[in-house]
Amino acid sequence: MFARILLILIALPFVELFLFFAISGKIGYPLTLLLLFLGTLLGVEVMRNQGFRSLSRYRAEMSQNRLPAESVIDQFLLFLSGLLLFIPGFLTTAAGLLLLCPPLRRSVLHRLENSLRNRFQFVSYTVERTTDTPFYHSRIPRPDPSDPSGVIDVEAEVIESHPSSHGSNRS
């Protein structure tokens, strides 16, 4: 993965220069520079708007007691779109414009989620919320102060068991 990213970072300036000269040979240097400048301005505007929108969406979902994972990733992809638009070049501008399209962004979002699911094991649990405790305090179960043992009693179910890498098989 690191080698692939390094290769892209090395090749991208050469591809962008090739495209710049090819396009400027067809439409002229002044119009080519104008197009790059407009793409950069569009990128700045997208990043600025998405920063504020992302924060308000995050707060709204947290106030409804929902974890904003999908909307945070979606907002990150929109910010990435703005960043790609901000970088002067035709290939990065095209990639940024494509990420602005909601169907393509959803496709990238689902591929990213699948990739993360394949790399990490997710564990979830449910915590009951009392009406007198704010949400951010009720997400993690706390021991009862009157209980001297300090033990948190939890019910759990093993969904899938994997042997450890040391050869011991704990379930």
N, C-alpha and C. Protein backbone atom coordinates (compact mmCIF):
# COMPACT_ATOMS: atom_id res chain seq x y z
N MET A 1 0.83 -1.19 0.00
CA MET A 1 0.00 0.00 0.00
C MET A 1 0.87 1.26 0.00
N PHE A 2 1.90 1.26 0.84
CA PHE A 2 2.79 2.41 0.91
C PHE A 2 3.51 2.62 -0.42
N ALA A 3 3.93 1.52 -1.05
CA ALA A 3 4.64 1.61 -2.32
C ALA A 3 3.72 2.18 -3.41
N ARG A 4 2.45 1.79 -3.37
CA ARG A 4 1.49 2.30 -4.36
C ARG A 4 1.29 3.81 -4.19
N ILE A 5 1.15 4.25 -2.96
CA ILE A 5 0.97 5.69 -2.70
C ILE A 5 2.22 6.47 -3.10
N LEU A 6 3.40 5.92 -2.80
CA LEU A 6 4.65 6.57 -3.18
C LEU A 6 4.78 6.68 -4.70
N LEU A 7 4.41 5.63 -5.40
CA LEU A 7 4.45 5.66 -6.86
C LEU A 7 3.51 6.73 -7.42
N ILE A 8 2.31 6.83 -6.85
CA ILE A 8 1.35 7.85 -7.30
C ILE A 8 1.91 9.25 -7.04
N LEU A 9 2.49 9.46 -5.87
CA LEU A 9 3.04 10.79 -5.55
C LEU A 9 4.21 11.16 -6.44
N ILE A 10 4.97 10.17 -6.88
CA ILE A 10 6.10 10.45 -7.77
C ILE A 10 5.61 10.70 -9.19
N ALA A 11 4.65 9.90 -9.66
CA ALA A 11 4.19 10.00 -11.05
C ALA A 11 3.23 11.16 -11.29
N LEU A 12 2.48 11.58 -10.27
CA LEU A 12 1.45 12.60 -10.46
C LEU A 12 1.97 13.91 -11.04
N PRO A 13 3.08 14.47 -10.56
CA PRO A 13 3.55 15.73 -11.17
C PRO A 13 3.89 15.59 -12.65
N PHE A 14 4.45 14.45 -13.02
CA PHE A 14 4.79 14.24 -14.43
C PHE A 14 3.54 14.13 -15.30
N VAL A 15 2.55 13.42 -14.81
CA VAL A 15 1.28 13.29 -15.55
C VAL A 15 0.61 14.65 -15.66
N GLU A 16 0.60 15.42 -14.57
CA GLU A 16 -0.02 16.75 -14.59
C GLU A 16 0.70 17.68 -15.56
N LEU A 17 2.04 17.64 -15.58
CA LEU A 17 2.78 18.48 -16.53
C LEU A 17 2.49 18.08 -17.98
N PHE A 18 2.43 16.79 -18.22
CA PHE A 18 2.11 16.32 -19.57
C PHE A 18 0.73 16.84 -19.98
N LEU A 19 -0.26 16.69 -19.10
CA LEU A 19 -1.61 17.16 -19.41
C LEU A 19 -1.64 18.68 -19.61
N PHE A 20 -0.89 19.41 -18.78
CA PHE A 20 -0.85 20.87 -18.90
C PHE A 20 -0.35 21.28 -20.28
N PHE A 21 0.76 20.69 -20.71
CA PHE A 21 1.32 21.06 -22.01
C PHE A 21 0.43 20.59 -23.16
N ALA A 22 -0.18 19.42 -23.02
CA ALA A 22 -1.06 18.91 -24.08
C ALA A 22 -2.30 19.80 -24.23
N ILE A 23 -2.90 20.19 -23.10
CA ILE A 23 -4.11 21.02 -23.15
C ILE A 23 -3.77 22.44 -23.58
N SER A 24 -2.65 22.97 -23.07
CA SER A 24 -2.29 24.34 -23.46
C SER A 24 -1.91 24.42 -24.93
N GLY A 25 -1.43 23.32 -25.51
CA GLY A 25 -1.14 23.30 -26.94
C GLY A 25 -2.43 23.36 -27.76
N LYS A 26 -3.52 22.86 -27.20
CA LYS A 26 -4.81 22.87 -27.92
C LYS A 26 -5.58 24.18 -27.73
N ILE A 27 -5.62 24.70 -26.49
CA ILE A 27 -6.47 25.86 -26.22
C ILE A 27 -5.68 27.13 -25.90
N GLY A 28 -4.36 27.02 -25.73
CA GLY A 28 -3.54 28.19 -25.43
C GLY A 28 -3.22 28.30 -23.94
N TYR A 29 -2.09 28.95 -23.65
CA TYR A 29 -1.63 29.07 -22.27
C TYR A 29 -2.55 29.92 -21.39
N PRO A 30 -3.01 31.09 -21.86
CA PRO A 30 -3.84 31.91 -20.97
C PRO A 30 -5.12 31.19 -20.52
N LEU A 31 -5.80 30.51 -21.43
CA LEU A 31 -7.02 29.80 -21.06
C LEU A 31 -6.72 28.60 -20.16
N THR A 32 -5.61 27.94 -20.40
CA THR A 32 -5.21 26.81 -19.55
C THR A 32 -4.94 27.28 -18.13
N LEU A 33 -4.21 28.38 -17.99
CA LEU A 33 -3.94 28.93 -16.65
C LEU A 33 -5.22 29.39 -15.97
N LEU A 34 -6.14 29.97 -16.73
CA LEU A 34 -7.42 30.39 -16.18
C LEU A 34 -8.21 29.20 -15.65
N LEU A 35 -8.23 28.10 -16.42
CA LEU A 35 -8.94 26.89 -15.97
C LEU A 35 -8.34 26.34 -14.67
N LEU A 36 -7.01 26.32 -14.57
CA LEU A 36 -6.35 25.84 -13.35
C LEU A 36 -6.67 26.76 -12.17
N PHE A 37 -6.67 28.07 -12.42
CA PHE A 37 -6.98 29.02 -11.36
C PHE A 37 -8.43 28.87 -10.88
N LEU A 38 -9.36 28.69 -11.80
CA LEU A 38 -10.77 28.50 -11.43
C LEU A 38 -10.97 27.20 -10.64
N GLY A 39 -10.24 26.16 -11.02
CA GLY A 39 -10.32 24.90 -10.28
C GLY A 39 -9.82 25.06 -8.85
N THR A 40 -8.75 25.85 -8.69
CA THR A 40 -8.22 26.10 -7.34
C THR A 40 -9.21 26.90 -6.51
N LEU A 41 -9.83 27.92 -7.11
CA LEU A 41 -10.84 28.70 -6.38
C LEU A 41 -12.03 27.84 -5.97
N LEU A 42 -12.45 26.97 -6.86
CA LEU A 42 -13.55 26.05 -6.55
C LEU A 42 -13.16 25.14 -5.39
N GLY A 43 -11.93 24.65 -5.39
CA GLY A 43 -11.46 23.79 -4.31
C GLY A 43 -11.45 24.50 -2.97
N VAL A 44 -11.01 25.75 -2.94
CA VAL A 44 -11.01 26.52 -1.69
C VAL A 44 -12.44 26.68 -1.18
N GLU A 45 -13.36 26.98 -2.06
CA GLU A 45 -14.76 27.18 -1.66
C GLU A 45 -15.38 25.88 -1.15
N VAL A 46 -15.11 24.76 -1.82
CA VAL A 46 -15.65 23.47 -1.37
C VAL A 46 -15.11 23.12 0.01
N MET A 47 -13.80 23.29 0.22
CA MET A 47 -13.22 22.96 1.52
C MET A 47 -13.79 23.85 2.62
N ARG A 48 -13.95 25.13 2.33
CA ARG A 48 -14.47 26.06 3.34
C ARG A 48 -15.90 25.69 3.72
N ASN A 49 -16.75 25.44 2.73
CA ASN A 49 -18.14 25.08 3.01
C ASN A 49 -18.26 23.75 3.72
N GLN A 50 -17.47 22.77 3.32
CA GLN A 50 -17.59 21.45 3.92
C GLN A 50 -17.12 21.42 5.36
N GLY A 51 -16.18 22.27 5.71
CA GLY A 51 -15.74 22.35 7.10
C GLY A 51 -16.88 22.75 8.02
N PHE A 52 -17.61 23.79 7.66
CA PHE A 52 -18.74 24.24 8.48
C PHE A 52 -19.89 23.24 8.45
N ARG A 53 -20.19 22.72 7.27
CA ARG A 53 -21.28 21.75 7.15
C ARG A 53 -21.00 20.48 7.93
N SER A 54 -19.76 20.04 7.90
CA SER A 54 -19.37 18.83 8.61
C SER A 54 -19.54 18.99 10.11
N LEU A 55 -19.15 20.12 10.64
CA LEU A 55 -19.28 20.37 12.07
C LEU A 55 -20.75 20.42 12.49
N SER A 56 -21.59 21.09 11.73
CA SER A 56 -23.01 21.17 12.09
C SER A 56 -23.70 19.81 11.96
N ARG A 57 -23.33 19.03 10.95
CA ARG A 57 -23.91 17.68 10.79
C ARG A 57 -23.48 16.76 11.93
N TYR A 58 -22.22 16.87 12.33
CA TYR A 58 -21.70 16.08 13.44
C TYR A 58 -22.46 16.39 14.73
N ARG A 59 -22.64 17.67 15.01
CA ARG A 59 -23.38 18.07 16.23
C ARG A 59 -24.83 17.61 16.19
N ALA A 60 -25.47 17.70 15.02
CA ALA A 60 -26.87 17.28 14.90
C ALA A 60 -27.01 15.78 15.16
N GLU A 61 -26.12 14.97 14.62
CA GLU A 61 -26.22 13.53 14.84
C GLU A 61 -25.90 13.16 16.28
N MET A 62 -24.95 13.83 16.88
CA MET A 62 -24.64 13.56 18.29
C MET A 62 -25.81 13.96 19.19
N SER A 63 -26.51 15.04 18.85
CA SER A 63 -27.66 15.46 19.66
C SER A 63 -28.82 14.47 19.54
N GLN A 64 -28.85 13.69 18.46
CA GLN A 64 -29.89 12.67 18.28
C GLN A 64 -29.41 11.31 18.78
N ASN A 65 -28.30 11.29 19.53
CA ASN A 65 -27.72 10.07 20.11
C ASN A 65 -27.35 9.04 19.06
N ARG A 66 -26.86 9.51 17.91
CA ARG A 66 -26.38 8.60 16.86
C ARG A 66 -24.90 8.86 16.65
N LEU A 67 -24.16 7.79 16.38
CA LEU A 67 -22.75 7.96 16.05
C LEU A 67 -22.65 8.40 14.60
N PRO A 68 -21.95 9.49 14.33
CA PRO A 68 -21.93 10.06 12.98
C PRO A 68 -20.86 9.48 12.07
N ALA A 69 -20.62 8.18 12.13
CA ALA A 69 -19.52 7.59 11.37
C ALA A 69 -19.68 7.79 9.87
N GLU A 70 -20.84 7.45 9.32
CA GLU A 70 -21.02 7.54 7.87
C GLU A 70 -20.97 9.00 7.40
N SER A 71 -21.59 9.88 8.14
CA SER A 71 -21.59 11.28 7.70
C SER A 71 -20.20 11.90 7.84
N VAL A 72 -19.43 11.46 8.82
CA VAL A 72 -18.07 11.97 8.97
C VAL A 72 -17.22 11.53 7.78
N ILE A 73 -17.35 10.27 7.38
CA ILE A 73 -16.58 9.78 6.23
C ILE A 73 -17.03 10.49 4.95
N ASP A 74 -18.34 10.71 4.82
CA ASP A 74 -18.86 11.42 3.65
C ASP A 74 -18.30 12.85 3.61
N GLN A 75 -18.29 13.51 4.74
CA GLN A 75 -17.75 14.87 4.79
C GLN A 75 -16.25 14.88 4.53
N PHE A 76 -15.55 13.83 4.99
CA PHE A 76 -14.13 13.72 4.69
C PHE A 76 -13.91 13.59 3.18
N LEU A 77 -14.74 12.78 2.52
CA LEU A 77 -14.61 12.63 1.07
C LEU A 77 -14.90 13.94 0.35
N LEU A 78 -15.86 14.72 0.85
CA LEU A 78 -16.12 16.03 0.25
C LEU A 78 -14.93 16.97 0.46
N PHE A 79 -14.33 16.90 1.65
CA PHE A 79 -13.15 17.72 1.91
C PHE A 79 -12.00 17.29 1.00
N LEU A 80 -11.84 15.97 0.82
CA LEU A 80 -10.81 15.45 -0.08
C LEU A 80 -11.06 15.93 -1.51
N SER A 81 -12.33 15.99 -1.90
CA SER A 81 -12.68 16.51 -3.21
C SER A 81 -12.21 17.96 -3.34
N GLY A 82 -12.46 18.77 -2.32
CA GLY A 82 -12.01 20.15 -2.34
C GLY A 82 -10.49 20.26 -2.38
N LEU A 83 -9.82 19.37 -1.66
CA LEU A 83 -8.36 19.38 -1.66
C LEU A 83 -7.82 19.03 -3.04
N LEU A 84 -8.43 18.04 -3.69
CA LEU A 84 -8.01 17.67 -5.04
C LEU A 84 -8.28 18.80 -6.03
N LEU A 85 -9.38 19.51 -5.84
CA LEU A 85 -9.66 20.66 -6.70
C LEU A 85 -8.66 21.79 -6.45
N PHE A 86 -8.22 21.92 -5.21
CA PHE A 86 -7.29 22.98 -4.83
C PHE A 86 -5.91 22.77 -5.46
N ILE A 87 -5.49 21.53 -5.58
CA ILE A 87 -4.18 21.23 -6.17
C ILE A 87 -4.24 21.56 -7.66
N PRO A 88 -3.36 22.45 -8.13
CA PRO A 88 -3.42 22.81 -9.55
C PRO A 88 -3.04 21.64 -10.44
N GLY A 89 -3.91 21.31 -11.35
CA GLY A 89 -3.67 20.22 -12.29
C GLY A 89 -4.98 19.69 -12.82
N PHE A 90 -4.95 19.16 -14.02
CA PHE A 90 -6.19 18.70 -14.64
C PHE A 90 -6.64 17.33 -14.11
N LEU A 91 -5.70 16.45 -13.84
CA LEU A 91 -6.06 15.12 -13.32
C LEU A 91 -6.64 15.23 -11.91
N THR A 92 -6.01 16.01 -11.05
CA THR A 92 -6.52 16.17 -9.69
C THR A 92 -7.85 16.91 -9.69
N THR A 93 -8.01 17.88 -10.59
CA THR A 93 -9.28 18.59 -10.69
C THR A 93 -10.39 17.65 -11.15
N ALA A 94 -10.09 16.79 -12.11
CA ALA A 94 -11.10 15.83 -12.59
C ALA A 94 -11.48 14.86 -11.46
N ALA A 95 -10.49 14.39 -10.69
CA ALA A 95 -10.78 13.48 -9.57
C ALA A 95 -11.62 14.20 -8.52
N GLY A 96 -11.31 15.46 -8.25
CA GLY A 96 -12.09 16.24 -7.29
C GLY A 96 -13.52 16.45 -7.74
N LEU A 97 -13.70 16.75 -9.02
CA LEU A 97 -15.05 16.93 -9.56
C LEU A 97 -15.84 15.63 -9.50
N LEU A 98 -15.19 14.51 -9.78
CA LEU A 98 -15.88 13.22 -9.71
C LEU A 98 -16.33 12.91 -8.27
N LEU A 99 -15.49 13.26 -7.29
CA LEU A 99 -15.87 13.02 -5.88
C LEU A 99 -17.02 13.91 -5.43
N LEU A 100 -17.29 14.97 -6.15
CA LEU A 100 -18.44 15.82 -5.80
C LEU A 100 -19.76 15.17 -6.18
N CYS A 101 -19.73 14.18 -7.07
CA CYS A 101 -20.96 13.49 -7.50
C CYS A 101 -21.40 12.51 -6.42
N PRO A 102 -22.60 12.69 -5.86
CA PRO A 102 -23.05 11.82 -4.76
C PRO A 102 -23.04 10.32 -5.06
N PRO A 103 -23.46 9.84 -6.24
CA PRO A 103 -23.41 8.39 -6.46
C PRO A 103 -21.99 7.82 -6.42
N LEU A 104 -21.06 8.55 -7.01
CA LEU A 104 -19.67 8.08 -6.99
C LEU A 104 -19.10 8.15 -5.58
N ARG A 105 -19.45 9.20 -4.84
CA ARG A 105 -18.98 9.34 -3.46
C ARG A 105 -19.51 8.19 -2.60
N ARG A 106 -20.78 7.80 -2.79
CA ARG A 106 -21.34 6.67 -2.05
C ARG A 106 -20.61 5.38 -2.39
N SER A 107 -20.26 5.22 -3.66
CA SER A 107 -19.51 4.03 -4.08
C SER A 107 -18.15 3.99 -3.40
N VAL A 108 -17.46 5.11 -3.37
CA VAL A 108 -16.16 5.18 -2.69
C VAL A 108 -16.34 4.93 -1.20
N LEU A 109 -17.40 5.47 -0.62
CA LEU A 109 -17.69 5.27 0.80
C LEU A 109 -17.88 3.79 1.13
N HIS A 110 -18.65 3.09 0.30
CA HIS A 110 -18.89 1.66 0.55
C HIS A 110 -17.62 0.83 0.35
N ARG A 111 -16.81 1.19 -0.64
CA ARG A 111 -15.54 0.47 -0.83
C ARG A 111 -14.62 0.71 0.35
N LEU A 112 -14.59 1.93 0.86
CA LEU A 112 -13.76 2.25 2.02
C LEU A 112 -14.24 1.49 3.26
N GLU A 113 -15.56 1.44 3.46
CA GLU A 113 -16.11 0.69 4.59
C GLU A 113 -15.76 -0.79 4.49
N ASN A 114 -15.92 -1.38 3.31
CA ASN A 114 -15.58 -2.79 3.12
C ASN A 114 -14.10 -3.04 3.38
N SER A 115 -13.26 -2.14 2.92
CA SER A 115 -11.83 -2.28 3.14
C SER A 115 -11.51 -2.23 4.64
N LEU A 116 -12.14 -1.30 5.35
CA LEU A 116 -11.90 -1.20 6.79
C LEU A 116 -12.44 -2.42 7.53
N ARG A 117 -13.58 -2.93 7.12
CA ARG A 117 -14.14 -4.13 7.76
C ARG A 117 -13.22 -5.34 7.58
N ASN A 118 -12.59 -5.43 6.42
CA ASN A 118 -11.69 -6.55 6.16
C ASN A 118 -10.39 -6.44 6.96
N ARG A 119 -10.01 -5.21 7.31
CA ARG A 119 -8.75 -5.02 8.03
C ARG A 119 -8.90 -5.03 9.55
N PHE A 120 -10.06 -4.68 10.05
CA PHE A 120 -10.26 -4.55 11.49
C PHE A 120 -11.42 -5.41 11.94
N GLN A 121 -11.35 -5.82 13.20
CA GLN A 121 -12.47 -6.54 13.80
C GLN A 121 -13.24 -5.52 14.64
N PHE A 122 -14.52 -5.37 14.35
CA PHE A 122 -15.34 -4.41 15.06
C PHE A 122 -16.11 -5.10 16.17
N VAL A 123 -16.13 -4.48 17.33
CA VAL A 123 -16.87 -4.99 18.47
C VAL A 123 -17.83 -3.89 18.89
N SER A 124 -19.06 -4.26 19.13
CA SER A 124 -20.03 -3.25 19.55
C SER A 124 -20.73 -3.72 20.81
N TYR A 125 -21.25 -2.78 21.57
CA TYR A 125 -22.02 -3.09 22.75
C TYR A 125 -23.08 -2.02 22.92
N THR A 126 -24.10 -2.35 23.68
CA THR A 126 -25.20 -1.42 23.91
C THR A 126 -25.18 -1.01 25.38
N VAL A 127 -25.35 0.26 25.61
CA VAL A 127 -25.40 0.79 26.97
C VAL A 127 -26.73 1.49 27.13
N GLU A 128 -27.44 1.15 28.19
CA GLU A 128 -28.72 1.83 28.42
C GLU A 128 -28.45 3.22 28.94
N ARG A 129 -29.24 4.14 28.47
CA ARG A 129 -29.07 5.53 28.86
C ARG A 129 -30.14 5.90 29.86
N THR A 130 -29.73 6.55 30.93
CA THR A 130 -30.70 7.07 31.89
C THR A 130 -31.02 8.50 31.51
N THR A 131 -32.16 8.97 31.92
CA THR A 131 -32.58 10.32 31.52
C THR A 131 -31.81 11.41 32.23
N ASP A 132 -31.21 11.12 33.36
CA ASP A 132 -30.51 12.17 34.10
C ASP A 132 -29.02 12.25 33.76
N THR A 133 -28.54 11.39 32.86
CA THR A 133 -27.12 11.39 32.52
C THR A 133 -26.94 11.85 31.08
N PRO A 134 -26.06 12.82 30.83
CA PRO A 134 -25.82 13.24 29.45
C PRO A 134 -25.25 12.09 28.63
N PHE A 135 -25.46 12.12 27.32
CA PHE A 135 -25.07 11.03 26.42
C PHE A 135 -23.58 10.73 26.51
N TYR A 136 -22.75 11.76 26.54
CA TYR A 136 -21.32 11.48 26.50
C TYR A 136 -20.81 10.83 27.77
N HIS A 137 -21.57 10.89 28.87
CA HIS A 137 -21.17 10.19 30.07
C HIS A 137 -21.70 8.76 30.10
N SER A 138 -22.75 8.47 29.33
CA SER A 138 -23.38 7.17 29.41
C SER A 138 -22.84 6.19 28.38
N ARG A 139 -21.94 6.61 27.51
CA ARG A 139 -21.44 5.71 26.47
C ARG A 139 -20.53 4.63 27.04
N ILE A 140 -19.82 4.90 28.11
CA ILE A 140 -18.90 3.93 28.69
C ILE A 140 -19.46 3.51 30.05
N PRO A 141 -19.67 2.20 30.26
CA PRO A 141 -20.19 1.79 31.56
C PRO A 141 -19.18 2.09 32.67
N ARG A 142 -19.65 2.65 33.74
CA ARG A 142 -18.79 3.01 34.87
C ARG A 142 -19.14 2.11 36.06
N PRO A 143 -18.15 1.78 36.88
CA PRO A 143 -18.45 0.96 38.05
C PRO A 143 -19.29 1.75 39.06
N ASP A 144 -20.10 1.01 39.79
CA ASP A 144 -20.93 1.61 40.83
C ASP A 144 -20.03 2.02 41.98
N PRO A 145 -20.06 3.31 42.39
CA PRO A 145 -19.18 3.77 43.48
C PRO A 145 -19.46 3.06 44.80
N SER A 146 -20.68 2.58 45.00
CA SER A 146 -20.99 1.90 46.26
C SER A 146 -20.49 0.45 46.26
N ASP A 147 -20.13 -0.08 45.09
CA ASP A 147 -19.63 -1.45 45.00
C ASP A 147 -18.12 -1.44 45.28
N PRO A 148 -17.68 -2.06 46.39
CA PRO A 148 -16.26 -2.01 46.76
C PRO A 148 -15.36 -2.80 45.80
N SER A 149 -15.90 -3.75 45.05
CA SER A 149 -15.05 -4.55 44.17
C SER A 149 -14.62 -3.78 42.92
N GLY A 150 -15.41 -2.80 42.51
CA GLY A 150 -15.08 -2.01 41.32
C GLY A 150 -15.21 -2.80 40.03
N VAL A 151 -16.00 -3.88 40.03
CA VAL A 151 -16.15 -4.74 38.87
C VAL A 151 -17.35 -4.28 38.05
N ILE A 152 -17.17 -4.26 36.73
CA ILE A 152 -18.28 -3.95 35.83
C ILE A 152 -18.83 -5.28 35.34
N ASP A 153 -20.10 -5.54 35.60
CA ASP A 153 -20.73 -6.78 35.20
C ASP A 153 -21.29 -6.62 33.79
N VAL A 154 -20.84 -7.46 32.85
CA VAL A 154 -21.22 -7.34 31.45
C VAL A 154 -21.65 -8.70 30.93
N GLU A 155 -22.68 -8.69 30.07
CA GLU A 155 -23.07 -9.90 29.37
C GLU A 155 -22.47 -9.84 27.97
N ALA A 156 -21.87 -10.96 27.53
CA ALA A 156 -21.23 -10.97 26.22
C ALA A 156 -21.52 -12.28 25.52
N GLU A 157 -21.37 -12.26 24.20
CA GLU A 157 -21.58 -13.44 23.39
C GLU A 157 -20.48 -13.50 22.34
N VAL A 158 -19.79 -14.65 22.24
CA VAL A 158 -18.75 -14.82 21.23
C VAL A 158 -19.43 -15.13 19.92
N ILE A 159 -19.21 -14.25 18.95
CA ILE A 159 -19.83 -14.42 17.65
C ILE A 159 -18.94 -15.27 16.76
N GLU A 160 -17.65 -14.99 16.76
CA GLU A 160 -16.71 -15.74 15.94
C GLU A 160 -15.41 -15.81 16.71
N SER A 161 -14.84 -16.97 16.82
CA SER A 161 -13.63 -17.15 17.58
C SER A 161 -12.47 -17.44 16.64
N HIS A 162 -11.35 -16.73 16.85
CA HIS A 162 -10.14 -16.94 16.06
C HIS A 162 -9.03 -17.39 16.99
N PRO A 163 -8.27 -18.42 16.62
CA PRO A 163 -7.13 -18.80 17.46
C PRO A 163 -6.09 -17.69 17.43
N SER A 164 -5.42 -17.50 18.57
CA SER A 164 -4.41 -16.44 18.63
C SER A 164 -3.18 -16.86 17.84
N SER A 165 -2.32 -15.91 17.57
CA SER A 165 -1.13 -16.18 16.76
C SER A 165 -0.08 -16.97 17.52
N HIS A 166 -0.23 -17.12 18.85
CA HIS A 166 0.77 -17.85 19.64
C HIS A 166 0.46 -19.33 19.76
N GLY A 167 -0.59 -19.76 19.14
CA GLY A 167 -0.90 -21.17 19.14
C GLY A 167 -1.89 -21.59 20.20
N SER A 168 -2.15 -20.75 21.20
CA SER A 168 -3.14 -21.09 22.22
C SER A 168 -4.52 -20.76 21.68
N ASN A 169 -5.47 -21.59 21.97
CA ASN A 169 -6.82 -21.40 21.44
C ASN A 169 -7.74 -21.00 22.58
N ARG A 170 -7.89 -19.68 22.77
CA ARG A 170 -8.78 -19.17 23.80
C ARG A 170 -10.09 -18.75 23.16
N SER A 171 -11.21 -19.11 23.79
CA SER A 171 -12.51 -18.71 23.26
C SER A 171 -13.25 -17.93 24.29
